[in-house]
Amino acid sequence: MKYLRFLLTCVALGVAAASLSAQTAGTGSTTTTPPPRPANAALGPAIKAIVDANRAAIGTLLDQRKALLEQLKNATPEQRDAIRKQLQDVMKETQSAQRDLAKAIRDAIKARRDAAKPATPSGG
């Protein structure tokens, strides 16, 4: 029984190795390179500006959160409740800022896509 299991394992490994060598034999190389990206795949300057502006705002909120977490370590029970409330407010602000960023990016992409569409002749 052990011999049969060993034999089946060897056969399975041999088939897998043969399949792999057949796949790489046609290319002549074992490494693959990703296909080239189209030229218009880069972010537009409007989108970059939106992301950069939001990055500073999010950084400020994260710094506030870090400071509150440090205060929480040495706080009394009464102070902990107040700090937790502040942390919740910071979290809500961060989520709101990220929602606004996503909406602004969607709007910028839509505007860019609409600007790239060819104009259709009216009338007809």
PDB file of N, CA and C in Angstrom:
ATOM      1  N   MET A   1       0.818  -1.187   0.000  1.00  0.00           N
ATOM      2  CA  MET A   1       0.000   0.000   0.000  1.00  0.00           C
ATOM      3  C   MET A   1       0.866   1.257   0.000  1.00  0.00           C
ATOM      4  N   LYS A   2       1.920   1.287   0.840  1.00  0.00           N
ATOM      5  CA  LYS A   2       2.809   2.434   0.869  1.00  0.00           C
ATOM      6  C   LYS A   2       3.530   2.584  -0.468  1.00  0.00           C
ATOM      7  N   TYR A   3       3.897   1.459  -1.060  1.00  0.00           N
ATOM      8  CA  TYR A   3       4.578   1.486  -2.346  1.00  0.00           C
ATOM      9  C   TYR A   3       3.669   2.078  -3.414  1.00  0.00           C
ATOM     10  N   LEU A   4       2.399   1.735  -3.419  1.00  0.00           N
ATOM     11  CA  LEU A   4       1.448   2.235  -4.397  1.00  0.00           C
ATOM     12  C   LEU A   4       1.254   3.742  -4.228  1.00  0.00           C
ATOM     13  N   ARG A   5       1.151   4.194  -2.999  1.00  0.00           N
ATOM     14  CA  ARG A   5       1.000   5.627  -2.732  1.00  0.00           C
ATOM     15  C   ARG A   5       2.248   6.371  -3.195  1.00  0.00           C
ATOM     16  N   PHE A   6       3.415   5.819  -2.931  1.00  0.00           N
ATOM     17  CA  PHE A   6       4.665   6.434  -3.367  1.00  0.00           C
ATOM     18  C   PHE A   6       4.734   6.491  -4.894  1.00  0.00           C
ATOM     19  N   LEU A   7       4.343   5.416  -5.539  1.00  0.00           N
ATOM     20  CA  LEU A   7       4.357   5.357  -6.996  1.00  0.00           C
ATOM     21  C   LEU A   7       3.407   6.383  -7.598  1.00  0.00           C
ATOM     22  N   LEU A   8       2.224   6.526  -7.043  1.00  0.00           N
ATOM     23  CA  LEU A   8       1.265   7.513  -7.539  1.00  0.00           C
ATOM     24  C   LEU A   8       1.782   8.938  -7.336  1.00  0.00           C
ATOM     25  N   THR A   9       2.432   9.187  -6.217  1.00  0.00           N
ATOM     26  CA  THR A   9       3.010  10.504  -5.960  1.00  0.00           C
ATOM     27  C   THR A   9       4.097  10.822  -6.974  1.00  0.00           C
ATOM     28  N   CYS A  10       4.943   9.856  -7.268  1.00  0.00           N
ATOM     29  CA  CYS A  10       6.011  10.063  -8.255  1.00  0.00           C
ATOM     30  C   CYS A  10       5.430  10.340  -9.632  1.00  0.00           C
ATOM     31  N   VAL A  11       4.399   9.618 -10.007  1.00  0.00           N
ATOM     32  CA  VAL A  11       3.770   9.821 -11.315  1.00  0.00           C
ATOM     33  C   VAL A  11       3.151  11.214 -11.382  1.00  0.00           C
ATOM     34  N   ALA A  12       2.470  11.635 -10.313  1.00  0.00           N
ATOM     35  CA  ALA A  12       1.843  12.965 -10.287  1.00  0.00           C
ATOM     36  C   ALA A  12       2.899  14.055 -10.400  1.00  0.00           C
ATOM     37  N   LEU A  13       4.008  13.912  -9.683  1.00  0.00           N
ATOM     38  CA  LEU A  13       5.083  14.903  -9.772  1.00  0.00           C
ATOM     39  C   LEU A  13       5.705  14.920 -11.164  1.00  0.00           C
ATOM     40  N   GLY A  14       5.845  13.761 -11.766  1.00  0.00           N
ATOM     41  CA  GLY A  14       6.405  13.683 -13.107  1.00  0.00           C
ATOM     42  C   GLY A  14       5.505  14.362 -14.127  1.00  0.00           C
ATOM     43  N   VAL A  15       4.204  14.159 -14.011  1.00  0.00           N
ATOM     44  CA  VAL A  15       3.256  14.808 -14.936  1.00  0.00           C
ATOM     45  C   VAL A  15       3.287  16.317 -14.751  1.00  0.00           C
ATOM     46  N   ALA A  16       3.343  16.766 -13.506  1.00  0.00           N
ATOM     47  CA  ALA A  16       3.389  18.200 -13.238  1.00  0.00           C
ATOM     48  C   ALA A  16       4.666  18.809 -13.805  1.00  0.00           C
ATOM     49  N   ALA A  17       5.790  18.137 -13.631  1.00  0.00           N
ATOM     50  CA  ALA A  17       7.057  18.647 -14.153  1.00  0.00           C
ATOM     51  C   ALA A  17       7.043  18.673 -15.675  1.00  0.00           C
ATOM     52  N   ALA A  18       6.482  17.651 -16.295  1.00  0.00           N
ATOM     53  CA  ALA A  18       6.416  17.612 -17.753  1.00  0.00           C
ATOM     54  C   ALA A  18       5.512  18.712 -18.286  1.00  0.00           C
ATOM     55  N   SER A  19       4.430  18.964 -17.590  1.00  0.00           N
ATOM     56  CA  SER A  19       3.513  20.027 -18.000  1.00  0.00           C
ATOM     57  C   SER A  19       4.187  21.390 -17.889  1.00  0.00           C
ATOM     58  N   LEU A  20       4.907  21.603 -16.801  1.00  0.00           N
ATOM     59  CA  LEU A  20       5.601  22.864 -16.609  1.00  0.00           C
ATOM     60  C   LEU A  20       6.690  23.066 -17.653  1.00  0.00           C
ATOM     61  N   SER A  21       7.434  22.025 -17.955  1.00  0.00           N
ATOM     62  CA  SER A  21       8.499  22.167 -18.949  1.00  0.00           C
ATOM     63  C   SER A  21       7.916  22.382 -20.339  1.00  0.00           C
ATOM     64  N   ALA A  22       6.757  21.817 -20.627  1.00  0.00           N
ATOM     65  CA  ALA A  22       6.129  22.032 -21.926  1.00  0.00           C
ATOM     66  C   ALA A  22       5.642  23.469 -22.057  1.00  0.00           C
ATOM     67  N   GLN A  23       5.187  24.065 -20.955  1.00  0.00           N
ATOM     68  CA  GLN A  23       4.718  25.445 -20.992  1.00  0.00           C
ATOM     69  C   GLN A  23       5.871  26.418 -21.198  1.00  0.00           C
ATOM     70  N   THR A  24       7.017  26.156 -20.575  1.00  0.00           N
ATOM     71  CA  THR A  24       8.146  27.077 -20.687  1.00  0.00           C
ATOM     72  C   THR A  24       9.009  26.799 -21.908  1.00  0.00           C
ATOM     73  N   ALA A  25       8.845  25.646 -22.541  1.00  0.00           N
ATOM     74  CA  ALA A  25       9.689  25.309 -23.689  1.00  0.00           C
ATOM     75  C   ALA A  25       9.389  26.210 -24.865  1.00  0.00           C
ATOM     76  N   GLY A  26       8.162  26.599 -25.043  1.00  0.00           N
ATOM     77  CA  GLY A  26       7.795  27.440 -26.176  1.00  0.00           C
ATOM     78  C   GLY A  26       8.284  28.867 -26.037  1.00  0.00           C
ATOM     79  N   THR A  27       8.433  29.355 -24.824  1.00  0.00           N
ATOM     80  CA  THR A  27       8.832  30.744 -24.637  1.00  0.00           C
ATOM     81  C   THR A  27      10.333  30.918 -24.600  1.00  0.00           C
ATOM     82  N   GLY A  28      11.053  29.899 -24.204  1.00  0.00           N
ATOM     83  CA  GLY A  28      12.504  29.996 -24.129  1.00  0.00           C
ATOM     84  C   GLY A  28      12.974  30.690 -22.862  1.00  0.00           C
ATOM     85  N   SER A  29      12.065  31.082 -22.027  1.00  0.00           N
ATOM     86  CA  SER A  29      12.408  31.792 -20.802  1.00  0.00           C
ATOM     87  C   SER A  29      11.475  31.337 -19.692  1.00  0.00           C
ATOM     88  N   THR A  30      12.007  31.302 -18.477  1.00  0.00           N
ATOM     89  CA  THR A  30      11.168  30.874 -17.366  1.00  0.00           C
ATOM     90  C   THR A  30      10.533  32.051 -16.652  1.00  0.00           C
ATOM     91  N   THR A  31      10.984  33.267 -16.920  1.00  0.00           N
ATOM     92  CA  THR A  31      10.393  34.436 -16.284  1.00  0.00           C
ATOM     93  C   THR A  31       9.428  35.096 -17.240  1.00  0.00           C
ATOM     94  N   THR A  32       8.395  35.671 -16.678  1.00  0.00           N
ATOM     95  CA  THR A  32       7.418  36.373 -17.500  1.00  0.00           C
ATOM     96  C   THR A  32       7.484  37.853 -17.193  1.00  0.00           C
ATOM     97  N   THR A  33       7.222  38.652 -18.169  1.00  0.00           N
ATOM     98  CA  THR A  33       7.187  40.090 -17.983  1.00  0.00           C
ATOM     99  C   THR A  33       5.756  40.554 -18.203  1.00  0.00           C
ATOM    100  N   PRO A  34       5.313  41.526 -17.447  1.00  0.00           N
ATOM    101  CA  PRO A  34       3.949  42.004 -17.634  1.00  0.00           C
ATOM    102  C   PRO A  34       3.830  42.729 -18.967  1.00  0.00           C
ATOM    103  N   PRO A  35       2.639  42.753 -19.532  1.00  0.00           N
ATOM    104  CA  PRO A  35       2.460  43.449 -20.805  1.00  0.00           C
ATOM    105  C   PRO A  35       2.646  44.949 -20.603  1.00  0.00           C
ATOM    106  N   PRO A  36       3.042  45.655 -21.626  1.00  0.00           N
ATOM    107  CA  PRO A  36       3.247  47.095 -21.485  1.00  0.00           C
ATOM    108  C   PRO A  36       1.925  47.798 -21.191  1.00  0.00           C
ATOM    109  N   ARG A  37       1.997  48.821 -20.370  1.00  0.00           N
ATOM    110  CA  ARG A  37       0.801  49.581 -20.021  1.00  0.00           C
ATOM    111  C   ARG A  37       0.517  50.610 -21.103  1.00  0.00           C
ATOM    112  N   PRO A  38      -0.748  50.874 -21.377  1.00  0.00           N
ATOM    113  CA  PRO A  38      -1.060  51.907 -22.355  1.00  0.00           C
ATOM    114  C   PRO A  38      -0.632  53.275 -21.844  1.00  0.00           C
ATOM    115  N   ALA A  39      -0.398  54.185 -22.757  1.00  0.00           N
ATOM    116  CA  ALA A  39       0.121  55.498 -22.387  1.00  0.00           C
ATOM    117  C   ALA A  39      -0.865  56.288 -21.537  1.00  0.00           C
ATOM    118  N   ASN A  40      -2.159  56.086 -21.713  1.00  0.00           N
ATOM    119  CA  ASN A  40      -3.137  56.881 -20.976  1.00  0.00           C
ATOM    120  C   ASN A  40      -3.483  56.278 -19.618  1.00  0.00           C
ATOM    121  N   ALA A  41      -2.756  55.264 -19.161  1.00  0.00           N
ATOM    122  CA  ALA A  41      -3.042  54.628 -17.885  1.00  0.00           C
ATOM    123  C   ALA A  41      -2.522  55.448 -16.708  1.00  0.00           C
ATOM    124  N   ALA A  42      -1.666  56.421 -16.950  1.00  0.00           N
ATOM    125  CA  ALA A  42      -1.118  57.231 -15.870  1.00  0.00           C
ATOM    126  C   ALA A  42      -2.208  58.153 -15.315  1.00  0.00           C
ATOM    127  N   LEU A  43      -2.093  58.483 -14.039  1.00  0.00           N
ATOM    128  CA  LEU A  43      -3.054  59.395 -13.433  1.00  0.00           C
ATOM    129  C   LEU A  43      -2.909  60.780 -14.029  1.00  0.00           C
ATOM    130  N   GLY A  44      -4.008  61.425 -14.201  1.00  0.00           N
ATOM    131  CA  GLY A  44      -3.985  62.793 -14.703  1.00  0.00           C
ATOM    132  C   GLY A  44      -3.536  63.754 -13.628  1.00  0.00           C
ATOM    133  N   PRO A  45      -3.110  64.939 -14.018  1.00  0.00           N
ATOM    134  CA  PRO A  45      -2.645  65.916 -13.024  1.00  0.00           C
ATOM    135  C   PRO A  45      -3.756  66.343 -12.070  1.00  0.00           C
ATOM    136  N   ALA A  46      -5.007  66.350 -12.528  1.00  0.00           N
ATOM    137  CA  ALA A  46      -6.109  66.737 -11.643  1.00  0.00           C
ATOM    138  C   ALA A  46      -6.289  65.712 -10.534  1.00  0.00           C
ATOM    139  N   ILE A  47      -6.185  64.445 -10.885  1.00  0.00           N
ATOM    140  CA  ILE A  47      -6.349  63.388  -9.890  1.00  0.00           C
ATOM    141  C   ILE A  47      -5.172  63.392  -8.922  1.00  0.00           C
ATOM    142  N   LYS A  48      -3.970  63.608  -9.443  1.00  0.00           N
ATOM    143  CA  LYS A  48      -2.798  63.682  -8.573  1.00  0.00           C
ATOM    144  C   LYS A  48      -2.929  64.822  -7.577  1.00  0.00           C
ATOM    145  N   ALA A  49      -3.441  65.960  -8.039  1.00  0.00           N
ATOM    146  CA  ALA A  49      -3.613  67.109  -7.147  1.00  0.00           C
ATOM    147  C   ALA A  49      -4.628  66.808  -6.050  1.00  0.00           C
ATOM    148  N   ILE A  50      -5.716  66.111  -6.408  1.00  0.00           N
ATOM    149  CA  ILE A  50      -6.731  65.747  -5.423  1.00  0.00           C
ATOM    150  C   ILE A  50      -6.133  64.824  -4.369  1.00  0.00           C
ATOM    151  N   VAL A  51      -5.381  63.828  -4.803  1.00  0.00           N
ATOM    152  CA  VAL A  51      -4.793  62.864  -3.871  1.00  0.00           C
ATOM    153  C   VAL A  51      -3.767  63.545  -2.977  1.00  0.00           C
ATOM    154  N   ASP A  52      -2.931  64.401  -3.549  1.00  0.00           N
ATOM    155  CA  ASP A  52      -1.916  65.088  -2.751  1.00  0.00           C
ATOM    156  C   ASP A  52      -2.542  66.002  -1.704  1.00  0.00           C
ATOM    157  N   ALA A  53      -3.611  66.706  -2.084  1.00  0.00           N
ATOM    158  CA  ALA A  53      -4.272  67.594  -1.137  1.00  0.00           C
ATOM    159  C   ALA A  53      -4.901  66.793   0.001  1.00  0.00           C
ATOM    160  N   ASN A  54      -5.459  65.656  -0.318  1.00  0.00           N
ATOM    161  CA  ASN A  54      -6.097  64.839   0.705  1.00  0.00           C
ATOM    162  C   ASN A  54      -5.069  64.148   1.586  1.00  0.00           C
ATOM    163  N   ARG A  55      -3.914  63.847   1.041  1.00  0.00           N
ATOM    164  CA  ARG A  55      -2.880  63.160   1.816  1.00  0.00           C
ATOM    165  C   ARG A  55      -2.485  63.981   3.044  1.00  0.00           C
ATOM    166  N   ALA A  56      -2.399  65.291   2.897  1.00  0.00           N
ATOM    167  CA  ALA A  56      -2.041  66.150   4.023  1.00  0.00           C
ATOM    168  C   ALA A  56      -3.147  66.153   5.076  1.00  0.00           C
ATOM    169  N   ALA A  57      -4.401  66.199   4.632  1.00  0.00           N
ATOM    170  CA  ALA A  57      -5.522  66.207   5.575  1.00  0.00           C
ATOM    171  C   ALA A  57      -5.596  64.892   6.346  1.00  0.00           C
ATOM    172  N   ILE A  58      -5.429  63.795   5.661  1.00  0.00           N
ATOM    173  CA  ILE A  58      -5.457  62.486   6.321  1.00  0.00           C
ATOM    174  C   ILE A  58      -4.273  62.360   7.284  1.00  0.00           C
ATOM    175  N   GLY A  59      -3.116  62.874   6.892  1.00  0.00           N
ATOM    176  CA  GLY A  59      -1.947  62.838   7.769  1.00  0.00           C
ATOM    177  C   GLY A  59      -2.194  63.591   9.068  1.00  0.00           C
ATOM    178  N   THR A  60      -2.867  64.722   8.983  1.00  0.00           N
ATOM    179  CA  THR A  60      -3.192  65.498  10.178  1.00  0.00           C
ATOM    180  C   THR A  60      -4.123  64.709  11.096  1.00  0.00           C
ATOM    181  N   LEU A  61      -5.134  64.077  10.507  1.00  0.00           N
ATOM    182  CA  LEU A  61      -6.066  63.282  11.310  1.00  0.00           C
ATOM    183  C   LEU A  61      -5.368  62.090  11.958  1.00  0.00           C
ATOM    184  N   LEU A  62      -4.454  61.473  11.238  1.00  0.00           N
ATOM    185  CA  LEU A  62      -3.720  60.336  11.806  1.00  0.00           C
ATOM    186  C   LEU A  62      -2.796  60.779  12.945  1.00  0.00           C
ATOM    187  N   ASP A  63      -2.222  61.975  12.796  1.00  0.00           N
ATOM    188  CA  ASP A  63      -1.386  62.502  13.879  1.00  0.00           C
ATOM    189  C   ASP A  63      -2.223  62.782  15.128  1.00  0.00           C
ATOM    190  N   GLN A  64      -3.441  63.313  14.929  1.00  0.00           N
ATOM    191  CA  GLN A  64      -4.341  63.537  16.066  1.00  0.00           C
ATOM    192  C   GLN A  64      -4.674  62.218  16.749  1.00  0.00           C
ATOM    193  N   ARG A  65      -4.939  61.198  15.947  1.00  0.00           N
ATOM    194  CA  ARG A  65      -5.278  59.884  16.491  1.00  0.00           C
ATOM    195  C   ARG A  65      -4.113  59.322  17.303  1.00  0.00           C
ATOM    196  N   LYS A  66      -2.894  59.461  16.756  1.00  0.00           N
ATOM    197  CA  LYS A  66      -1.715  58.949  17.457  1.00  0.00           C
ATOM    198  C   LYS A  66      -1.528  59.667  18.797  1.00  0.00           C
ATOM    199  N   ALA A  67      -1.736  60.981  18.813  1.00  0.00           N
ATOM    200  CA  ALA A  67      -1.590  61.740  20.052  1.00  0.00           C
ATOM    201  C   ALA A  67      -2.646  61.321  21.075  1.00  0.00           C
ATOM    202  N   LEU A  68      -3.868  61.106  20.624  1.00  0.00           N
ATOM    203  CA  LEU A  68      -4.924  60.673  21.537  1.00  0.00           C
ATOM    204  C   LEU A  68      -4.643  59.280  22.103  1.00  0.00           C
ATOM    205  N   LEU A  69      -4.105  58.400  21.273  1.00  0.00           N
ATOM    206  CA  LEU A  69      -3.769  57.060  21.766  1.00  0.00           C
ATOM    207  C   LEU A  69      -2.667  57.118  22.819  1.00  0.00           C
ATOM    208  N   GLU A  70      -1.718  58.035  22.654  1.00  0.00           N
ATOM    209  CA  GLU A  70      -0.666  58.213  23.664  1.00  0.00           C
ATOM    210  C   GLU A  70      -1.266  58.725  24.967  1.00  0.00           C
ATOM    211  N   GLN A  71      -2.218  59.668  24.870  1.00  0.00           N
ATOM    212  CA  GLN A  71      -2.870  60.198  26.067  1.00  0.00           C
ATOM    213  C   GLN A  71      -3.677  59.113  26.773  1.00  0.00           C
ATOM    214  N   LEU A  72      -4.228  58.198  25.997  1.00  0.00           N
ATOM    215  CA  LEU A  72      -5.071  57.146  26.543  1.00  0.00           C
ATOM    216  C   LEU A  72      -4.280  56.203  27.450  1.00  0.00           C
ATOM    217  N   LYS A  73      -2.990  56.067  27.181  1.00  0.00           N
ATOM    218  CA  LYS A  73      -2.169  55.137  27.966  1.00  0.00           C
ATOM    219  C   LYS A  73      -2.088  55.532  29.434  1.00  0.00           C
ATOM    220  N   ASN A  74      -2.003  56.825  29.715  1.00  0.00           N
ATOM    221  CA  ASN A  74      -1.802  57.296  31.093  1.00  0.00           C
ATOM    222  C   ASN A  74      -3.025  58.025  31.635  1.00  0.00           C
ATOM    223  N   ALA A  75      -4.192  57.793  31.076  1.00  0.00           N
ATOM    224  CA  ALA A  75      -5.386  58.542  31.472  1.00  0.00           C
ATOM    225  C   ALA A  75      -6.127  57.857  32.619  1.00  0.00           C
ATOM    226  N   THR A  76      -6.855  58.678  33.341  1.00  0.00           N
ATOM    227  CA  THR A  76      -7.733  58.148  34.388  1.00  0.00           C
ATOM    228  C   THR A  76      -9.007  57.628  33.716  1.00  0.00           C
ATOM    229  N   PRO A  77      -9.813  56.854  34.425  1.00  0.00           N
ATOM    230  CA  PRO A  77     -11.041  56.321  33.811  1.00  0.00           C
ATOM    231  C   PRO A  77     -11.958  57.409  33.236  1.00  0.00           C
ATOM    232  N   GLU A  78     -12.062  58.566  33.914  1.00  0.00           N
ATOM    233  CA  GLU A  78     -12.903  59.652  33.394  1.00  0.00           C
ATOM    234  C   GLU A  78     -12.311  60.230  32.108  1.00  0.00           C
ATOM    235  N   GLN A  79     -10.992  60.369  32.109  1.00  0.00           N
ATOM    236  CA  GLN A  79     -10.325  60.909  30.925  1.00  0.00           C
ATOM    237  C   GLN A  79     -10.416  59.929  29.756  1.00  0.00           C
ATOM    238  N   ARG A  80     -10.391  58.641  30.073  1.00  0.00           N
ATOM    239  CA  ARG A  80     -10.475  57.627  29.008  1.00  0.00           C
ATOM    240  C   ARG A  80     -11.764  57.750  28.213  1.00  0.00           C
ATOM    241  N   ASP A  81     -12.877  57.992  28.911  1.00  0.00           N
ATOM    242  CA  ASP A  81     -14.152  58.135  28.206  1.00  0.00           C
ATOM    243  C   ASP A  81     -14.126  59.326  27.256  1.00  0.00           C
ATOM    244  N   ALA A  82     -13.560  60.439  27.727  1.00  0.00           N
ATOM    245  CA  ALA A  82     -13.478  61.634  26.884  1.00  0.00           C
ATOM    246  C   ALA A  82     -12.545  61.384  25.690  1.00  0.00           C
ATOM    247  N   ILE A  83     -11.445  60.717  25.929  1.00  0.00           N
ATOM    248  CA  ILE A  83     -10.487  60.435  24.850  1.00  0.00           C
ATOM    249  C   ILE A  83     -11.097  59.474  23.841  1.00  0.00           C
ATOM    250  N   ARG A  84     -11.835  58.481  24.318  1.00  0.00           N
ATOM    251  CA  ARG A  84     -12.493  57.553  23.394  1.00  0.00           C
ATOM    252  C   ARG A  84     -13.489  58.287  22.507  1.00  0.00           C
ATOM    253  N   LYS A  85     -14.219  59.231  23.087  1.00  0.00           N
ATOM    254  CA  LYS A  85     -15.162  60.035  22.299  1.00  0.00           C
ATOM    255  C   LYS A  85     -14.410  60.827  21.232  1.00  0.00           C
ATOM    256  N   GLN A  86     -13.279  61.408  21.610  1.00  0.00           N
ATOM    257  CA  GLN A  86     -12.472  62.157  20.641  1.00  0.00           C
ATOM    258  C   GLN A  86     -11.946  61.227  19.548  1.00  0.00           C
ATOM    259  N   LEU A  87     -11.530  60.018  19.932  1.00  0.00           N
ATOM    260  CA  LEU A  87     -11.048  59.051  18.936  1.00  0.00           C
ATOM    261  C   LEU A  87     -12.155  58.676  17.962  1.00  0.00           C
ATOM    262  N   GLN A  88     -13.379  58.527  18.464  1.00  0.00           N
ATOM    263  CA  GLN A  88     -14.501  58.231  17.580  1.00  0.00           C
ATOM    264  C   GLN A  88     -14.750  59.378  16.616  1.00  0.00           C
ATOM    265  N   ASP A  89     -14.633  60.614  17.113  1.00  0.00           N
ATOM    266  CA  ASP A  89     -14.821  61.777  16.248  1.00  0.00           C
ATOM    267  C   ASP A  89     -13.746  61.836  15.164  1.00  0.00           C
ATOM    268  N   VAL A  90     -12.503  61.549  15.549  1.00  0.00           N
ATOM    269  CA  VAL A  90     -11.408  61.546  14.570  1.00  0.00           C
ATOM    270  C   VAL A  90     -11.636  60.447  13.528  1.00  0.00           C
ATOM    271  N   MET A  91     -12.108  59.285  13.981  1.00  0.00           N
ATOM    272  CA  MET A  91     -12.377  58.188  13.051  1.00  0.00           C
ATOM    273  C   MET A  91     -13.479  58.585  12.062  1.00  0.00           C
ATOM    274  N   LYS A  92     -14.525  59.241  12.558  1.00  0.00           N
ATOM    275  CA  LYS A  92     -15.612  59.677  11.672  1.00  0.00           C
ATOM    276  C   LYS A  92     -15.115  60.711  10.671  1.00  0.00           C
ATOM    277  N   GLU A  93     -14.273  61.624  11.125  1.00  0.00           N
ATOM    278  CA  GLU A  93     -13.705  62.632  10.227  1.00  0.00           C
ATOM    279  C   GLU A  93     -12.839  61.967   9.160  1.00  0.00           C
ATOM    280  N   THR A  94     -12.042  60.984   9.564  1.00  0.00           N
ATOM    281  CA  THR A  94     -11.178  60.281   8.610  1.00  0.00           C
ATOM    282  C   THR A  94     -12.010  59.545   7.576  1.00  0.00           C
ATOM    283  N   GLN A  95     -13.061  58.860   8.025  1.00  0.00           N
ATOM    284  CA  GLN A  95     -13.926  58.143   7.087  1.00  0.00           C
ATOM    285  C   GLN A  95     -14.605  59.114   6.134  1.00  0.00           C
ATOM    286  N   SER A  96     -15.044  60.243   6.656  1.00  0.00           N
ATOM    287  CA  SER A  96     -15.688  61.246   5.812  1.00  0.00           C
ATOM    288  C   SER A  96     -14.702  61.796   4.781  1.00  0.00           C
ATOM    289  N   ALA A  97     -13.477  62.056   5.221  1.00  0.00           N
ATOM    290  CA  ALA A  97     -12.456  62.569   4.297  1.00  0.00           C
ATOM    291  C   ALA A  97     -12.150  61.548   3.208  1.00  0.00           C
ATOM    292  N   GLN A  98     -12.099  60.276   3.566  1.00  0.00           N
ATOM    293  CA  GLN A  98     -11.821  59.253   2.566  1.00  0.00           C
ATOM    294  C   GLN A  98     -12.991  59.091   1.597  1.00  0.00           C
ATOM    295  N   ARG A  99     -14.230  59.215   2.124  1.00  0.00           N
ATOM    296  CA  ARG A  99     -15.393  59.172   1.224  1.00  0.00           C
ATOM    297  C   ARG A  99     -15.358  60.334   0.237  1.00  0.00           C
ATOM    298  N   ASP A 100     -15.027  61.528   0.764  1.00  0.00           N
ATOM    299  CA  ASP A 100     -14.937  62.705  -0.104  1.00  0.00           C
ATOM    300  C   ASP A 100     -13.840  62.533  -1.146  1.00  0.00           C
ATOM    301  N   LEU A 101     -12.711  61.945  -0.744  1.00  0.00           N
ATOM    302  CA  LEU A 101     -11.625  61.695  -1.688  1.00  0.00           C
ATOM    303  C   LEU A 101     -12.076  60.744  -2.788  1.00  0.00           C
ATOM    304  N   ALA A 102     -12.748  59.662  -2.402  1.00  0.00           N
ATOM    305  CA  ALA A 102     -13.213  58.693  -3.404  1.00  0.00           C
ATOM    306  C   ALA A 102     -14.182  59.346  -4.373  1.00  0.00           C
ATOM    307  N   LYS A 103     -15.078  60.187  -3.863  1.00  0.00           N
ATOM    308  CA  LYS A 103     -16.041  60.870  -4.732  1.00  0.00           C
ATOM    309  C   LYS A 103     -15.321  61.838  -5.665  1.00  0.00           C
ATOM    310  N   ALA A 104     -14.352  62.570  -5.133  1.00  0.00           N
ATOM    311  CA  ALA A 104     -13.615  63.517  -5.969  1.00  0.00           C
ATOM    312  C   ALA A 104     -12.837  62.790  -7.060  1.00  0.00           C
ATOM    313  N   ILE A 105     -12.252  61.656  -6.731  1.00  0.00           N
ATOM    314  CA  ILE A 105     -11.519  60.882  -7.740  1.00  0.00           C
ATOM    315  C   ILE A 105     -12.478  60.350  -8.799  1.00  0.00           C
ATOM    316  N   ARG A 106     -13.626  59.820  -8.355  1.00  0.00           N
ATOM    317  CA  ARG A 106     -14.617  59.333  -9.328  1.00  0.00           C
ATOM    318  C   ARG A 106     -15.067  60.447 -10.259  1.00  0.00           C
ATOM    319  N   ASP A 107     -15.327  61.627  -9.682  1.00  0.00           N
ATOM    320  CA  ASP A 107     -15.763  62.755 -10.507  1.00  0.00           C
ATOM    321  C   ASP A 107     -14.676  63.183 -11.490  1.00  0.00           C
ATOM    322  N   ALA A 108     -13.418  63.193 -11.024  1.00  0.00           N
ATOM    323  CA  ALA A 108     -12.312  63.582 -11.906  1.00  0.00           C
ATOM    324  C   ALA A 108     -12.129  62.560 -13.023  1.00  0.00           C
ATOM    325  N   ILE A 109     -12.265  61.288 -12.700  1.00  0.00           N
ATOM    326  CA  ILE A 109     -12.136  60.250 -13.731  1.00  0.00           C
ATOM    327  C   ILE A 109     -13.265  60.372 -14.735  1.00  0.00           C
ATOM    328  N   LYS A 110     -14.475  60.624 -14.246  1.00  0.00           N
ATOM    329  CA  LYS A 110     -15.622  60.773 -15.145  1.00  0.00           C
ATOM    330  C   LYS A 110     -15.426  61.982 -16.061  1.00  0.00           C
ATOM    331  N   ALA A 111     -14.952  63.094 -15.486  1.00  0.00           N
ATOM    332  CA  ALA A 111     -14.716  64.287 -16.301  1.00  0.00           C
ATOM    333  C   ALA A 111     -13.633  64.022 -17.344  1.00  0.00           C
ATOM    334  N   ARG A 112     -12.602  63.305 -16.950  1.00  0.00           N
ATOM    335  CA  ARG A 112     -11.519  62.987 -17.888  1.00  0.00           C
ATOM    336  C   ARG A 112     -12.017  62.069 -19.003  1.00  0.00           C
ATOM    337  N   ARG A 113     -12.851  61.086 -18.625  1.00  0.00           N
ATOM    338  CA  ARG A 113     -13.390  60.154 -19.605  1.00  0.00           C
ATOM    339  C   ARG A 113     -14.333  60.888 -20.573  1.00  0.00           C
ATOM    340  N   ASP A 114     -15.162  61.803 -20.019  1.00  0.00           N
ATOM    341  CA  ASP A 114     -16.080  62.555 -20.863  1.00  0.00           C
ATOM    342  C   ASP A 114     -15.318  63.468 -21.816  1.00  0.00           C
ATOM    343  N   ALA A 115     -14.206  64.037 -21.346  1.00  0.00           N
ATOM    344  CA  ALA A 115     -13.410  64.918 -22.201  1.00  0.00           C
ATOM    345  C   ALA A 115     -12.711  64.120 -23.306  1.00  0.00           C
ATOM    346  N   ALA A 116     -12.416  62.855 -23.039  1.00  0.00           N
ATOM    347  CA  ALA A 116     -11.717  62.038 -24.031  1.00  0.00           C
ATOM    348  C   ALA A 116     -12.656  61.452 -25.077  1.00  0.00           C
ATOM    349  N   LYS A 117     -13.969  61.476 -24.792  1.00  0.00           N
ATOM    350  CA  LYS A 117     -14.923  60.934 -25.763  1.00  0.00           C
ATOM    351  C   LYS A 117     -14.942  61.801 -27.007  1.00  0.00           C
ATOM    352  N   PRO A 118     -15.008  61.160 -28.171  1.00  0.00           N
ATOM    353  CA  PRO A 118     -15.126  61.969 -29.388  1.00  0.00           C
ATOM    354  C   PRO A 118     -16.497  62.618 -29.459  1.00  0.00           C
ATOM    355  N   ALA A 119     -16.525  63.798 -29.974  1.00  0.00           N
ATOM    356  CA  ALA A 119     -17.800  64.531 -30.099  1.00  0.00           C
ATOM    357  C   ALA A 119     -18.636  63.870 -31.184  1.00  0.00           C
ATOM    358  N   THR A 120     -19.900  63.674 -30.880  1.00  0.00           N
ATOM    359  CA  THR A 120     -20.808  63.076 -31.881  1.00  0.00           C
ATOM    360  C   THR A 120     -21.544  64.192 -32.602  1.00  0.00           C
ATOM    361  N   PRO A 121     -21.725  64.057 -33.889  1.00  0.00           N
ATOM    362  CA  PRO A 121     -22.429  65.097 -34.627  1.00  0.00           C
ATOM    363  C   PRO A 121     -23.905  65.152 -34.209  1.00  0.00           C
ATOM    364  N   SER A 122     -24.396  66.332 -33.992  1.00  0.00           N
ATOM    365  CA  SER A 122     -25.788  66.459 -33.606  1.00  0.00           C
ATOM    366  C   SER A 122     -26.656  66.627 -34.841  1.00  0.00           C
ATOM    367  N   GLY A 123     -27.921  66.339 -34.670  1.00  0.00           N
ATOM    368  CA  GLY A 123     -28.831  66.417 -35.821  1.00  0.00           C
ATOM    369  C   GLY A 123     -28.840  65.130 -36.576  1.00  0.00           C
ATOM    370  N   GLY A 124     -29.372  65.153 -37.753  1.00  0.00           N
ATOM    371  CA  GLY A 124     -29.232  63.931 -38.481  1.00  0.00           C
ATOM    372  C   GLY A 124     -30.359  63.560 -39.221  1.00  0.00           C
TER     373      GLY A 124
END
